Structures are given as C-alpha cells and as structure tokens.
Amino acid sequence: MYTFLYCVYNYFCICTIQINTRIRYINNEPSKQMSILIENQIPPEQRFTQKDGSEFHVFSTIVTDATIVDEWRAVHSPCKVLLDMETVSQLKNKRIEWHFDDDKTISAVEIKDES
C-alpha cells in the first residue's frame, strides 16, 4: 500500500495505491501537468517475444513472470506490445507514452495528465 501527497494547481491530494509497482510522479513545470511513470515488471530477458510471426514487446505493470500469463492483448500502434489483462484495464482510456531502455525494450510507461 502506497500513500502519496502531491499538489496539483494549489490543491493537495492524497492518493493511495495498492499495487506492487514502482511509481514516480513527474511534474512538468511549464505546463503544471502531472504525469505518472510506471516501470515494466517483466524481467528484461522476457520483454521481447514473437507471436503469429511478428515480434512484440512484453509489458506488465503487475505480473513479474511472463510465463504465468494465459491471455495477452496485442497493441499494434505506435509499436507492437503484448499486455496482460490487468495492465490493459489500468491503461485503458489513458494518454500514454512508452519509455525504452538502451537495448530498445520497453522499460516503463508514462501516463500523461490530460487536465
């Protein structure tokens, strides 16, 4: 359980989250928008796979072992990514941006604030 106190537009907000991922809040000063950066929980050696002849990145905000997931959802734009169902529900209807490691695998996702 994580509890955060942060300030948005001169209002203090308390956010309590019960997930085991590392989350960083990024404050973009010029626009005063808040973004959330959530790291990929999949180990680096499992972050790339092939499905139906295409290569995919593998990303999860919750699952720490890709072999235990039975059902994956494929996202084809802007890059091909396989997501577990919990991650899909967490990122659904959010404006996101993928972050990549030096070895070109997805290391994190940034959830952009749309306020």
PDB file of N, CA and C in Angstrom:
ATOM      1  N   MET A   1       0.846  -1.168   0.000  1.00  0.00           N
ATOM      2  CA  MET A   1       0.000   0.000   0.000  1.00  0.00           C
ATOM      3  C   MET A   1       0.895   1.235   0.000  1.00  0.00           C
ATOM      4  N   TYR A   2       0.669   2.147  -0.929  1.00  0.00           N
ATOM      5  CA  TYR A   2       1.426   3.366  -1.034  1.00  0.00           C
ATOM      6  C   TYR A   2       0.482   4.547  -0.860  1.00  0.00           C
ATOM      7  N   THR A   3       0.914   5.544  -0.131  1.00  0.00           N
ATOM      8  CA  THR A   3       0.129   6.759   0.028  1.00  0.00           C
ATOM      9  C   THR A   3       1.005   7.924  -0.410  1.00  0.00           C
ATOM     10  N   PHE A   4       0.463   8.758  -1.282  1.00  0.00           N
ATOM     11  CA  PHE A   4       1.195   9.896  -1.818  1.00  0.00           C
ATOM     12  C   PHE A   4       0.441  11.175  -1.494  1.00  0.00           C
ATOM     13  N   LEU A   5       1.172  12.205  -1.186  1.00  0.00           N
ATOM     14  CA  LEU A   5       0.609  13.535  -1.030  1.00  0.00           C
ATOM     15  C   LEU A   5       1.260  14.390  -2.104  1.00  0.00           C
ATOM     16  N   TYR A   6       0.466  14.972  -2.953  1.00  0.00           N
ATOM     17  CA  TYR A   6       1.017  15.800  -4.008  1.00  0.00           C
ATOM     18  C   TYR A   6       0.120  17.006  -4.236  1.00  0.00           C
ATOM     19  N   CYS A   7       0.673  18.008  -4.858  1.00  0.00           N
ATOM     20  CA  CYS A   7      -0.032  19.264  -5.080  1.00  0.00           C
ATOM     21  C   CYS A   7      -0.265  19.458  -6.569  1.00  0.00           C
ATOM     22  N   VAL A   8      -1.512  19.709  -6.940  1.00  0.00           N
ATOM     23  CA  VAL A   8      -1.876  19.984  -8.318  1.00  0.00           C
ATOM     24  C   VAL A   8      -2.719  21.246  -8.321  1.00  0.00           C
ATOM     25  N   TYR A   9      -2.253  22.267  -9.011  1.00  0.00           N
ATOM     26  CA  TYR A   9      -2.971  23.537  -9.104  1.00  0.00           C
ATOM     27  C   TYR A   9      -3.351  24.076  -7.717  1.00  0.00           C
ATOM     28  N   ASN A  10      -2.396  24.075  -6.796  1.00  0.00           N
ATOM     29  CA  ASN A  10      -2.556  24.584  -5.440  1.00  0.00           C
ATOM     30  C   ASN A  10      -3.539  23.795  -4.585  1.00  0.00           C
ATOM     31  N   TYR A  11      -3.890  22.580  -4.980  1.00  0.00           N
ATOM     32  CA  TYR A  11      -4.716  21.696  -4.166  1.00  0.00           C
ATOM     33  C   TYR A  11      -3.860  20.507  -3.750  1.00  0.00           C
ATOM     34  N   PHE A  12      -3.939  20.150  -2.497  1.00  0.00           N
ATOM     35  CA  PHE A  12      -3.210  18.988  -2.036  1.00  0.00           C
ATOM     36  C   PHE A  12      -4.106  17.764  -2.173  1.00  0.00           C
ATOM     37  N   CYS A  13      -3.559  16.709  -2.749  1.00  0.00           N
ATOM     38  CA  CYS A  13      -4.314  15.492  -2.996  1.00  0.00           C
ATOM     39  C   CYS A  13      -3.601  14.330  -2.312  1.00  0.00           C
ATOM     40  N   ILE A  14      -4.368  13.407  -1.785  1.00  0.00           N
ATOM     41  CA  ILE A  14      -3.804  12.189  -1.219  1.00  0.00           C
ATOM     42  C   ILE A  14      -4.242  11.035  -2.104  1.00  0.00           C
ATOM     43  N   CYS A  15      -3.281  10.258  -2.535  1.00  0.00           N
ATOM     44  CA  CYS A  15      -3.552   9.135  -3.427  1.00  0.00           C
ATOM     45  C   CYS A  15      -3.036   7.872  -2.757  1.00  0.00           C
ATOM     46  N   THR A  16      -3.890   6.884  -2.583  1.00  0.00           N
ATOM     47  CA  THR A  16      -3.483   5.614  -2.008  1.00  0.00           C
ATOM     48  C   THR A  16      -3.584   4.542  -3.080  1.00  0.00           C
ATOM     49  N   ILE A  17      -2.497   3.790  -3.282  1.00  0.00           N
ATOM     50  CA  ILE A  17      -2.441   2.778  -4.332  1.00  0.00           C
ATOM     51  C   ILE A  17      -2.026   1.456  -3.705  1.00  0.00           C
ATOM     52  N   GLN A  18      -2.666   0.383  -4.139  1.00  0.00           N
ATOM     53  CA  GLN A  18      -2.312  -0.927  -3.607  1.00  0.00           C
ATOM     54  C   GLN A  18      -1.817  -1.829  -4.735  1.00  0.00           C
ATOM     55  N   ILE A  19      -0.687  -1.452  -5.320  1.00  0.00           N
ATOM     56  CA  ILE A  19      -0.037  -2.283  -6.317  1.00  0.00           C
ATOM     57  C   ILE A  19       1.436  -2.357  -5.959  1.00  0.00           C
ATOM     58  N   ASN A  20       2.097  -3.362  -6.440  1.00  0.00           N
ATOM     59  CA  ASN A  20       3.493  -3.555  -6.052  1.00  0.00           C
ATOM     60  C   ASN A  20       4.459  -3.071  -7.123  1.00  0.00           C
ATOM     61  N   THR A  21       4.110  -2.010  -7.822  1.00  0.00           N
ATOM     62  CA  THR A  21       4.999  -1.463  -8.839  1.00  0.00           C
ATOM     63  C   THR A  21       5.628  -0.175  -8.321  1.00  0.00           C
ATOM     64  N   ARG A  22       6.762   0.161  -8.900  1.00  0.00           N
ATOM     65  CA  ARG A  22       7.391   1.421  -8.539  1.00  0.00           C
ATOM     66  C   ARG A  22       6.795   2.507  -9.418  1.00  0.00           C
ATOM     67  N   ILE A  23       6.283   3.542  -8.781  1.00  0.00           N
ATOM     68  CA  ILE A  23       5.614   4.634  -9.487  1.00  0.00           C
ATOM     69  C   ILE A  23       6.336   5.933  -9.154  1.00  0.00           C
ATOM     70  N   ARG A  24       6.594   6.721 -10.173  1.00  0.00           N
ATOM     71  CA  ARG A  24       7.180   8.038  -9.975  1.00  0.00           C
ATOM     72  C   ARG A  24       6.253   9.070 -10.575  1.00  0.00           C
ATOM     73  N   TYR A  25       6.017  10.159  -9.850  1.00  0.00           N
ATOM     74  CA  TYR A  25       5.244  11.266 -10.376  1.00  0.00           C
ATOM     75  C   TYR A  25       6.200  12.276 -10.975  1.00  0.00           C
ATOM     76  N   ILE A  26       5.890  12.709 -12.166  1.00  0.00           N
ATOM     77  CA  ILE A  26       6.751  13.646 -12.879  1.00  0.00           C
ATOM     78  C   ILE A  26       5.980  14.951 -13.026  1.00  0.00           C
ATOM     79  N   ASN A  27       6.538  16.017 -12.499  1.00  0.00           N
ATOM     80  CA  ASN A  27       5.883  17.313 -12.608  1.00  0.00           C
ATOM     81  C   ASN A  27       6.541  18.092 -13.732  1.00  0.00           C
ATOM     82  N   ASN A  28       5.793  18.385 -14.761  1.00  0.00           N
ATOM     83  CA  ASN A  28       6.294  19.171 -15.886  1.00  0.00           C
ATOM     84  C   ASN A  28       6.012  20.639 -15.579  1.00  0.00           C
ATOM     85  N   GLU A  29       6.989  21.347 -15.061  1.00  0.00           N
ATOM     86  CA  GLU A  29       6.823  22.700 -14.549  1.00  0.00           C
ATOM     87  C   GLU A  29       6.153  23.699 -15.509  1.00  0.00           C
ATOM     88  N   PRO A  30       6.579  23.808 -16.779  1.00  0.00           N
ATOM     89  CA  PRO A  30       5.987  24.855 -17.617  1.00  0.00           C
ATOM     90  C   PRO A  30       4.476  24.739 -17.763  1.00  0.00           C
ATOM     91  N   SER A  31       3.962  23.529 -17.860  1.00  0.00           N
ATOM     92  CA  SER A  31       2.525  23.369 -18.072  1.00  0.00           C
ATOM     93  C   SER A  31       1.788  22.988 -16.795  1.00  0.00           C
ATOM     94  N   LYS A  32       2.507  22.728 -15.698  1.00  0.00           N
ATOM     95  CA  LYS A  32       1.947  22.316 -14.411  1.00  0.00           C
ATOM     96  C   LYS A  32       1.121  21.042 -14.528  1.00  0.00           C
ATOM     97  N   GLN A  33       1.470  20.179 -15.453  1.00  0.00           N
ATOM     98  CA  GLN A  33       0.781  18.909 -15.603  1.00  0.00           C
ATOM     99  C   GLN A  33       1.543  17.838 -14.839  1.00  0.00           C
ATOM    100  N   MET A  34       0.807  16.870 -14.315  1.00  0.00           N
ATOM    101  CA  MET A  34       1.412  15.783 -13.558  1.00  0.00           C
ATOM    102  C   MET A  34       1.329  14.520 -14.398  1.00  0.00           C
ATOM    103  N   SER A  35       2.429  13.780 -14.465  1.00  0.00           N
ATOM    104  CA  SER A  35       2.473  12.508 -15.177  1.00  0.00           C
ATOM    105  C   SER A  35       2.901  11.423 -14.210  1.00  0.00           C
ATOM    106  N   ILE A  36       2.510  10.191 -14.507  1.00  0.00           N
ATOM    107  CA  ILE A  36       2.877   9.040 -13.691  1.00  0.00           C
ATOM    108  C   ILE A  36       3.720   8.111 -14.547  1.00  0.00           C
ATOM    109  N   LEU A  37       4.875   7.706 -14.029  1.00  0.00           N
ATOM    110  CA  LEU A  37       5.755   6.787 -14.723  1.00  0.00           C
ATOM    111  C   LEU A  37       5.723   5.451 -13.991  1.00  0.00           C
ATOM    112  N   ILE A  38       5.276   4.386 -14.675  1.00  0.00           N
ATOM    113  CA  ILE A  38       5.177   3.056 -14.076  1.00  0.00           C
ATOM    114  C   ILE A  38       6.150   2.141 -14.799  1.00  0.00           C
ATOM    115  N   GLU A  39       7.009   1.497 -14.027  1.00  0.00           N
ATOM    116  CA  GLU A  39       8.046   0.645 -14.604  1.00  0.00           C
ATOM    117  C   GLU A  39       7.497  -0.714 -15.019  1.00  0.00           C
ATOM    118  N   ASN A  40       8.129  -1.295 -16.028  1.00  0.00           N
ATOM    119  CA  ASN A  40       7.786  -2.629 -16.516  1.00  0.00           C
ATOM    120  C   ASN A  40       8.237  -3.660 -15.489  1.00  0.00           C
ATOM    121  N   GLN A  41       7.314  -4.526 -15.048  1.00  0.00           N
ATOM    122  CA  GLN A  41       7.625  -5.542 -14.046  1.00  0.00           C
ATOM    123  C   GLN A  41       8.152  -6.838 -14.663  1.00  0.00           C
ATOM    124  N   ILE A  42       8.046  -6.969 -15.978  1.00  0.00           N
ATOM    125  CA  ILE A  42       8.555  -8.153 -16.672  1.00  0.00           C
ATOM    126  C   ILE A  42      10.086  -8.112 -16.662  1.00  0.00           C
ATOM    127  N   PRO A  43      10.757  -9.227 -16.346  1.00  0.00           N
ATOM    128  CA  PRO A  43      12.227  -9.239 -16.367  1.00  0.00           C
ATOM    129  C   PRO A  43      12.775  -8.930 -17.768  1.00  0.00           C
ATOM    130  N   PRO A  44      13.940  -8.299 -17.848  1.00  0.00           N
ATOM    131  CA  PRO A  44      14.499  -7.907 -19.160  1.00  0.00           C
ATOM    132  C   PRO A  44      14.621  -9.054 -20.158  1.00  0.00           C
ATOM    133  N   GLU A  45      14.914 -10.260 -19.705  1.00  0.00           N
ATOM    134  CA  GLU A  45      15.059 -11.386 -20.633  1.00  0.00           C
ATOM    135  C   GLU A  45      13.723 -11.867 -21.204  1.00  0.00           C
ATOM    136  N   GLN A  46      12.577 -11.399 -20.661  1.00  0.00           N
ATOM    137  CA  GLN A  46      11.257 -11.799 -21.156  1.00  0.00           C
ATOM    138  C   GLN A  46      10.515 -10.652 -21.839  1.00  0.00           C
ATOM    139  N   ARG A  47      11.163  -9.552 -22.085  1.00  0.00           N
ATOM    140  CA  ARG A  47      10.488  -8.359 -22.614  1.00  0.00           C
ATOM    141  C   ARG A  47      10.332  -8.329 -24.130  1.00  0.00           C
ATOM    142  N   PHE A  48      10.707  -9.388 -24.803  1.00  0.00           N
ATOM    143  CA  PHE A  48      10.591  -9.451 -26.256  1.00  0.00           C
ATOM    144  C   PHE A  48      10.159 -10.853 -26.644  1.00  0.00           C
ATOM    145  N   THR A  49       9.186 -10.984 -27.538  1.00  0.00           N
ATOM    146  CA  THR A  49       8.720 -12.305 -27.957  1.00  0.00           C
ATOM    147  C   THR A  49       8.169 -12.230 -29.375  1.00  0.00           C
ATOM    148  N   GLN A  50       7.835 -13.396 -29.924  1.00  0.00           N
ATOM    149  CA  GLN A  50       7.192 -13.483 -31.238  1.00  0.00           C
ATOM    150  C   GLN A  50       5.829 -14.129 -31.089  1.00  0.00           C
ATOM    151  N   LYS A  51       4.881 -13.611 -31.831  1.00  0.00           N
ATOM    152  CA  LYS A  51       3.527 -14.156 -31.845  1.00  0.00           C
ATOM    153  C   LYS A  51       2.991 -14.023 -33.261  1.00  0.00           C
ATOM    154  N   ASP A  52       2.521 -15.116 -33.822  1.00  0.00           N
ATOM    155  CA  ASP A  52       1.972 -15.126 -35.190  1.00  0.00           C
ATOM    156  C   ASP A  52       2.947 -14.527 -36.205  1.00  0.00           C
ATOM    157  N   GLY A  53       4.233 -14.801 -36.039  1.00  0.00           N
ATOM    158  CA  GLY A  53       5.239 -14.335 -36.990  1.00  0.00           C
ATOM    159  C   GLY A  53       5.677 -12.895 -36.812  1.00  0.00           C
ATOM    160  N   SER A  54       5.124 -12.166 -35.832  1.00  0.00           N
ATOM    161  CA  SER A  54       5.506 -10.775 -35.576  1.00  0.00           C
ATOM    162  C   SER A  54       6.229 -10.675 -34.245  1.00  0.00           C
ATOM    163  N   GLU A  55       7.160  -9.733 -34.156  1.00  0.00           N
ATOM    164  CA  GLU A  55       7.878  -9.501 -32.910  1.00  0.00           C
ATOM    165  C   GLU A  55       7.124  -8.476 -32.066  1.00  0.00           C
ATOM    166  N   PHE A  56       7.024  -8.744 -30.762  1.00  0.00           N
ATOM    167  CA  PHE A  56       6.302  -7.883 -29.835  1.00  0.00           C
ATOM    168  C   PHE A  56       7.151  -7.585 -28.606  1.00  0.00           C
ATOM    169  N   HIS A  57       6.967  -6.372 -28.067  1.00  0.00           N
ATOM    170  CA  HIS A  57       7.463  -6.052 -26.738  1.00  0.00           C
ATOM    171  C   HIS A  57       6.481  -6.683 -25.753  1.00  0.00           C
ATOM    172  N   VAL A  58       6.936  -7.003 -24.539  1.00  0.00           N
ATOM    173  CA  VAL A  58       6.070  -7.550 -23.499  1.00  0.00           C
ATOM    174  C   VAL A  58       6.112  -6.585 -22.325  1.00  0.00           C
ATOM    175  N   PHE A  59       4.921  -6.150 -21.867  1.00  0.00           N
ATOM    176  CA  PHE A  59       4.850  -5.156 -20.800  1.00  0.00           C
ATOM    177  C   PHE A  59       3.763  -5.514 -19.805  1.00  0.00           C
ATOM    178  N   SER A  60       4.064  -5.328 -18.523  1.00  0.00           N
ATOM    179  CA  SER A  60       3.080  -5.507 -17.455  1.00  0.00           C
ATOM    180  C   SER A  60       3.407  -4.590 -16.291  1.00  0.00           C
ATOM    181  N   THR A  61       2.373  -4.030 -15.696  1.00  0.00           N
ATOM    182  CA  THR A  61       2.546  -3.210 -14.506  1.00  0.00           C
ATOM    183  C   THR A  61       2.421  -4.035 -13.236  1.00  0.00           C
ATOM    184  N   ILE A  62       1.973  -5.299 -13.362  1.00  0.00           N
ATOM    185  CA  ILE A  62       1.712  -6.131 -12.184  1.00  0.00           C
ATOM    186  C   ILE A  62       2.468  -7.455 -12.228  1.00  0.00           C
ATOM    187  N   VAL A  63       2.398  -8.168 -13.333  1.00  0.00           N
ATOM    188  CA  VAL A  63       2.966  -9.511 -13.445  1.00  0.00           C
ATOM    189  C   VAL A  63       4.492  -9.437 -13.511  1.00  0.00           C
ATOM    190  N   THR A  64       5.166 -10.284 -12.722  1.00  0.00           N
ATOM    191  CA  THR A  64       6.628 -10.289 -12.711  1.00  0.00           C
ATOM    192  C   THR A  64       7.226 -11.472 -13.466  1.00  0.00           C
ATOM    193  N   ASP A  65       6.380 -12.364 -13.990  1.00  0.00           N
ATOM    194  CA  ASP A  65       6.844 -13.508 -14.777  1.00  0.00           C
ATOM    195  C   ASP A  65       5.890 -13.702 -15.946  1.00  0.00           C
ATOM    196  N   ALA A  66       6.362 -13.458 -17.152  1.00  0.00           N
ATOM    197  CA  ALA A  66       5.507 -13.510 -18.339  1.00  0.00           C
ATOM    198  C   ALA A  66       4.975 -14.912 -18.634  1.00  0.00           C
ATOM    199  N   THR A  67       5.630 -15.942 -18.132  1.00  0.00           N
ATOM    200  CA  THR A  67       5.205 -17.313 -18.437  1.00  0.00           C
ATOM    201  C   THR A  67       3.927 -17.715 -17.721  1.00  0.00           C
ATOM    202  N   ILE A  68       3.520 -16.991 -16.683  1.00  0.00           N
ATOM    203  CA  ILE A  68       2.308 -17.365 -15.940  1.00  0.00           C
ATOM    204  C   ILE A  68       1.039 -16.748 -16.519  1.00  0.00           C
ATOM    205  N   VAL A  69       1.168 -15.825 -17.462  1.00  0.00           N
ATOM    206  CA  VAL A  69       0.002 -15.167 -18.052  1.00  0.00           C
ATOM    207  C   VAL A  69      -0.554 -16.024 -19.185  1.00  0.00           C
ATOM    208  N   ASP A  70      -1.854 -16.327 -19.102  1.00  0.00           N
ATOM    209  CA  ASP A  70      -2.503 -17.147 -20.123  1.00  0.00           C
ATOM    210  C   ASP A  70      -3.048 -16.320 -21.284  1.00  0.00           C
ATOM    211  N   GLU A  71      -3.515 -15.112 -20.998  1.00  0.00           N
ATOM    212  CA  GLU A  71      -4.159 -14.304 -22.029  1.00  0.00           C
ATOM    213  C   GLU A  71      -3.461 -12.954 -22.155  1.00  0.00           C
ATOM    214  N   TRP A  72      -2.995 -12.654 -23.351  1.00  0.00           N
ATOM    215  CA  TRP A  72      -2.330 -11.393 -23.653  1.00  0.00           C
ATOM    216  C   TRP A  72      -3.163 -10.605 -24.637  1.00  0.00           C
ATOM    217  N   ARG A  73      -3.124  -9.288 -24.551  1.00  0.00           N
ATOM    218  CA  ARG A  73      -3.752  -8.405 -25.525  1.00  0.00           C
ATOM    219  C   ARG A  73      -2.655  -7.743 -26.338  1.00  0.00           C
ATOM    220  N   ALA A  74      -2.849  -7.688 -27.643  1.00  0.00           N
ATOM    221  CA  ALA A  74      -1.858  -7.082 -28.534  1.00  0.00           C
ATOM    222  C   ALA A  74      -2.258  -5.654 -28.877  1.00  0.00           C
ATOM    223  N   VAL A  75      -1.296  -4.756 -28.747  1.00  0.00           N
ATOM    224  CA  VAL A  75      -1.454  -3.369 -29.165  1.00  0.00           C
ATOM    225  C   VAL A  75      -0.506  -3.180 -30.343  1.00  0.00           C
ATOM    226  N   HIS A  76      -0.993  -2.610 -31.438  1.00  0.00           N
ATOM    227  CA  HIS A  76      -0.182  -2.516 -32.655  1.00  0.00           C
ATOM    228  C   HIS A  76       0.307  -1.109 -32.966  1.00  0.00           C
ATOM    229  N   SER A  77      -0.120  -0.112 -32.203  1.00  0.00           N
ATOM    230  CA  SER A  77       0.294   1.247 -32.510  1.00  0.00           C
ATOM    231  C   SER A  77       0.639   1.978 -31.218  1.00  0.00           C
ATOM    232  N   PRO A  78       1.672   2.738 -31.131  1.00  0.00           N
ATOM    233  CA  PRO A  78       2.665   3.072 -32.140  1.00  0.00           C
ATOM    234  C   PRO A  78       3.722   1.980 -32.317  1.00  0.00           C
ATOM    235  N   CYS A  79       3.802   1.043 -31.362  1.00  0.00           N
ATOM    236  CA  CYS A  79       4.692  -0.100 -31.527  1.00  0.00           C
ATOM    237  C   CYS A  79       3.927  -1.344 -31.061  1.00  0.00           C
ATOM    238  N   LYS A  80       4.392  -2.517 -31.470  1.00  0.00           N
ATOM    239  CA  LYS A  80       3.694  -3.758 -31.134  1.00  0.00           C
ATOM    240  C   LYS A  80       4.046  -4.185 -29.706  1.00  0.00           C
ATOM    241  N   VAL A  81       3.011  -4.275 -28.845  1.00  0.00           N
ATOM    242  CA  VAL A  81       3.204  -4.598 -27.434  1.00  0.00           C
ATOM    243  C   VAL A  81       2.155  -5.609 -27.004  1.00  0.00           C
ATOM    244  N   LEU A  82       2.583  -6.619 -26.234  1.00  0.00           N
ATOM    245  CA  LEU A  82       1.660  -7.546 -25.599  1.00  0.00           C
ATOM    246  C   LEU A  82       1.473  -7.124 -24.150  1.00  0.00           C
ATOM    247  N   LEU A  83       0.207  -7.010 -23.713  1.00  0.00           N
ATOM    248  CA  LEU A  83      -0.134  -6.577 -22.358  1.00  0.00           C
ATOM    249  C   LEU A  83      -1.019  -7.613 -21.688  1.00  0.00           C
ATOM    250  N   ASP A  84      -0.827  -7.813 -20.379  1.00  0.00           N
ATOM    251  CA  ASP A  84      -1.746  -8.682 -19.641  1.00  0.00           C
ATOM    252  C   ASP A  84      -3.042  -7.911 -19.375  1.00  0.00           C
ATOM    253  N   MET A  85      -4.090  -8.613 -19.008  1.00  0.00           N
ATOM    254  CA  MET A  85      -5.410  -8.006 -18.877  1.00  0.00           C
ATOM    255  C   MET A  85      -5.468  -6.943 -17.771  1.00  0.00           C
ATOM    256  N   GLU A  86      -4.759  -7.136 -16.668  1.00  0.00           N
ATOM    257  CA  GLU A  86      -4.758  -6.138 -15.592  1.00  0.00           C
ATOM    258  C   GLU A  86      -4.127  -4.821 -16.055  1.00  0.00           C
ATOM    259  N   THR A  87      -3.056  -4.942 -16.820  1.00  0.00           N
ATOM    260  CA  THR A  87      -2.392  -3.749 -17.340  1.00  0.00           C
ATOM    261  C   THR A  87      -3.279  -3.042 -18.357  1.00  0.00           C
ATOM    262  N   VAL A  88      -3.974  -3.817 -19.186  1.00  0.00           N
ATOM    263  CA  VAL A  88      -4.894  -3.224 -20.157  1.00  0.00           C
ATOM    264  C   VAL A  88      -5.954  -2.394 -19.436  1.00  0.00           C
ATOM    265  N   SER A  89      -6.538  -2.948 -18.379  1.00  0.00           N
ATOM    266  CA  SER A  89      -7.582  -2.208 -17.654  1.00  0.00           C
ATOM    267  C   SER A  89      -7.011  -0.976 -16.952  1.00  0.00           C
ATOM    268  N   GLN A  90      -5.759  -1.053 -16.511  1.00  0.00           N
ATOM    269  CA  GLN A  90      -5.128   0.091 -15.847  1.00  0.00           C
ATOM    270  C   GLN A  90      -4.808   1.218 -16.832  1.00  0.00           C
ATOM    271  N   LEU A  91      -4.436   0.868 -18.062  1.00  0.00           N
ATOM    272  CA  LEU A  91      -4.028   1.876 -19.045  1.00  0.00           C
ATOM    273  C   LEU A  91      -5.144   2.287 -19.999  1.00  0.00           C
ATOM    274  N   LYS A  92      -6.277   1.609 -19.936  1.00  0.00           N
ATOM    275  CA  LYS A  92      -7.390   1.874 -20.855  1.00  0.00           C
ATOM    276  C   LYS A  92      -7.874   3.322 -20.721  1.00  0.00           C
ATOM    277  N   ASN A  93      -8.090   3.960 -21.854  1.00  0.00           N
ATOM    278  CA  ASN A  93      -8.578   5.338 -21.948  1.00  0.00           C
ATOM    279  C   ASN A  93      -7.632   6.361 -21.323  1.00  0.00           C
ATOM    280  N   LYS A  94      -6.352   6.045 -21.298  1.00  0.00           N
ATOM    281  CA  LYS A  94      -5.342   6.970 -20.789  1.00  0.00           C
ATOM    282  C   LYS A  94      -4.419   7.369 -21.934  1.00  0.00           C
ATOM    283  N   ARG A  95      -3.891   8.566 -21.858  1.00  0.00           N
ATOM    284  CA  ARG A  95      -2.891   9.021 -22.823  1.00  0.00           C
ATOM    285  C   ARG A  95      -1.539   8.571 -22.301  1.00  0.00           C
ATOM    286  N   ILE A  96      -0.854   7.695 -23.065  1.00  0.00           N
ATOM    287  CA  ILE A  96       0.391   7.103 -22.580  1.00  0.00           C
ATOM    288  C   ILE A  96       1.542   7.358 -23.543  1.00  0.00           C
ATOM    289  N   GLU A  97       2.742   7.180 -23.008  1.00  0.00           N
ATOM    290  CA  GLU A  97       3.957   7.256 -23.821  1.00  0.00           C
ATOM    291  C   GLU A  97       4.897   6.166 -23.324  1.00  0.00           C
ATOM    292  N   TRP A  98       5.412   5.348 -24.243  1.00  0.00           N
ATOM    293  CA  TRP A  98       6.327   4.268 -23.881  1.00  0.00           C
ATOM    294  C   TRP A  98       7.722   4.822 -23.675  1.00  0.00           C
ATOM    295  N   HIS A  99       8.441   4.268 -22.690  1.00  0.00           N
ATOM    296  CA  HIS A  99       9.843   4.607 -22.445  1.00  0.00           C
ATOM    297  C   HIS A  99      10.677   3.363 -22.705  1.00  0.00           C
ATOM    298  N   PHE A 100      11.806   3.528 -23.399  1.00  0.00           N
ATOM    299  CA  PHE A 100      12.636   2.408 -23.824  1.00  0.00           C
ATOM    300  C   PHE A 100      14.002   2.429 -23.139  1.00  0.00           C
ATOM    301  N   ASP A 101      14.559   1.219 -22.907  1.00  0.00           N
ATOM    302  CA  ASP A 101      15.920   1.050 -22.390  1.00  0.00           C
ATOM    303  C   ASP A 101      16.915   1.268 -23.522  1.00  0.00           C
ATOM    304  N   ASP A 102      18.187   1.192 -23.171  1.00  0.00           N
ATOM    305  CA  ASP A 102      19.249   1.293 -24.175  1.00  0.00           C
ATOM    306  C   ASP A 102      19.212   0.126 -25.161  1.00  0.00           C
ATOM    307  N   ASP A 103      18.698  -1.018 -24.706  1.00  0.00           N
ATOM    308  CA  ASP A 103      18.622  -2.186 -25.595  1.00  0.00           C
ATOM    309  C   ASP A 103      17.297  -2.245 -26.368  1.00  0.00           C
ATOM    310  N   LYS A 104      16.575  -1.128 -26.416  1.00  0.00           N
ATOM    311  CA  LYS A 104      15.350  -0.957 -27.224  1.00  0.00           C
ATOM    312  C   LYS A 104      14.159  -1.799 -26.743  1.00  0.00           C
ATOM    313  N   THR A 105      14.121  -2.147 -25.454  1.00  0.00           N
ATOM    314  CA  THR A 105      12.935  -2.804 -24.892  1.00  0.00           C
ATOM    315  C   THR A 105      12.193  -1.796 -24.031  1.00  0.00           C
ATOM    316  N   ILE A 106      10.891  -2.011 -23.862  1.00  0.00           N
ATOM    317  CA  ILE A 106      10.073  -1.081 -23.086  1.00  0.00           C
ATOM    318  C   ILE A 106      10.405  -1.231 -21.604  1.00  0.00           C
ATOM    319  N   SER A 107      10.830  -0.127 -20.994  1.00  0.00           N
ATOM    320  CA  SER A 107      11.190  -0.143 -19.576  1.00  0.00           C
ATOM    321  C   SER A 107      10.095   0.437 -18.692  1.00  0.00           C
ATOM    322  N   ALA A 108       9.260   1.322 -19.260  1.00  0.00           N
ATOM    323  CA  ALA A 108       8.221   1.968 -18.458  1.00  0.00           C
ATOM    324  C   ALA A 108       7.168   2.579 -19.369  1.00  0.00           C
ATOM    325  N   VAL A 109       6.062   2.950 -18.752  1.00  0.00           N
ATOM    326  CA  VAL A 109       5.018   3.683 -19.459  1.00  0.00           C
ATOM    327  C   VAL A 109       4.727   4.943 -18.668  1.00  0.00           C
ATOM    328  N   GLU A 110       4.567   6.041 -19.375  1.00  0.00           N
ATOM    329  CA  GLU A 110       4.231   7.299 -18.740  1.00  0.00           C
ATOM    330  C   GLU A 110       2.775   7.611 -19.028  1.00  0.00           C
ATOM    331  N   ILE A 111       1.992   7.789 -17.966  1.00  0.00           N
ATOM    332  CA  ILE A 111       0.579   8.170 -18.105  1.00  0.00           C
ATOM    333  C   ILE A 111       0.527   9.674 -18.024  1.00  0.00           C
ATOM    334  N   LYS A 112       0.125  10.281 -19.119  1.00  0.00           N
ATOM    335  CA  LYS A 112       0.081  11.744 -19.214  1.00  0.00           C
ATOM    336  C   LYS A 112      -1.189  12.276 -18.591  1.00  0.00           C
ATOM    337  N   ASP A 113      -1.084  13.405 -17.913  1.00  0.00           N
ATOM    338  CA  ASP A 113      -2.247  14.075 -17.328  1.00  0.00           C
ATOM    339  C   ASP A 113      -2.946  14.866 -18.427  1.00  0.00           C
ATOM    340  N   GLU A 114      -4.260  14.719 -18.497  1.00  0.00           N
ATOM    341  CA  GLU A 114      -5.000  15.399 -19.559  1.00  0.00           C
ATOM    342  C   GLU A 114      -5.806  16.575 -19.038  1.00  0.00           C
ATOM    343  N   SER A 115      -5.517  17.025 -17.811  1.00  0.00           N
ATOM    344  CA  SER A 115      -6.303  18.129 -17.267  1.00  0.00           C
ATOM    345  C   SER A 115      -5.842  19.462 -17.784  1.00  0.00           C
TER     346      SER A 115
END
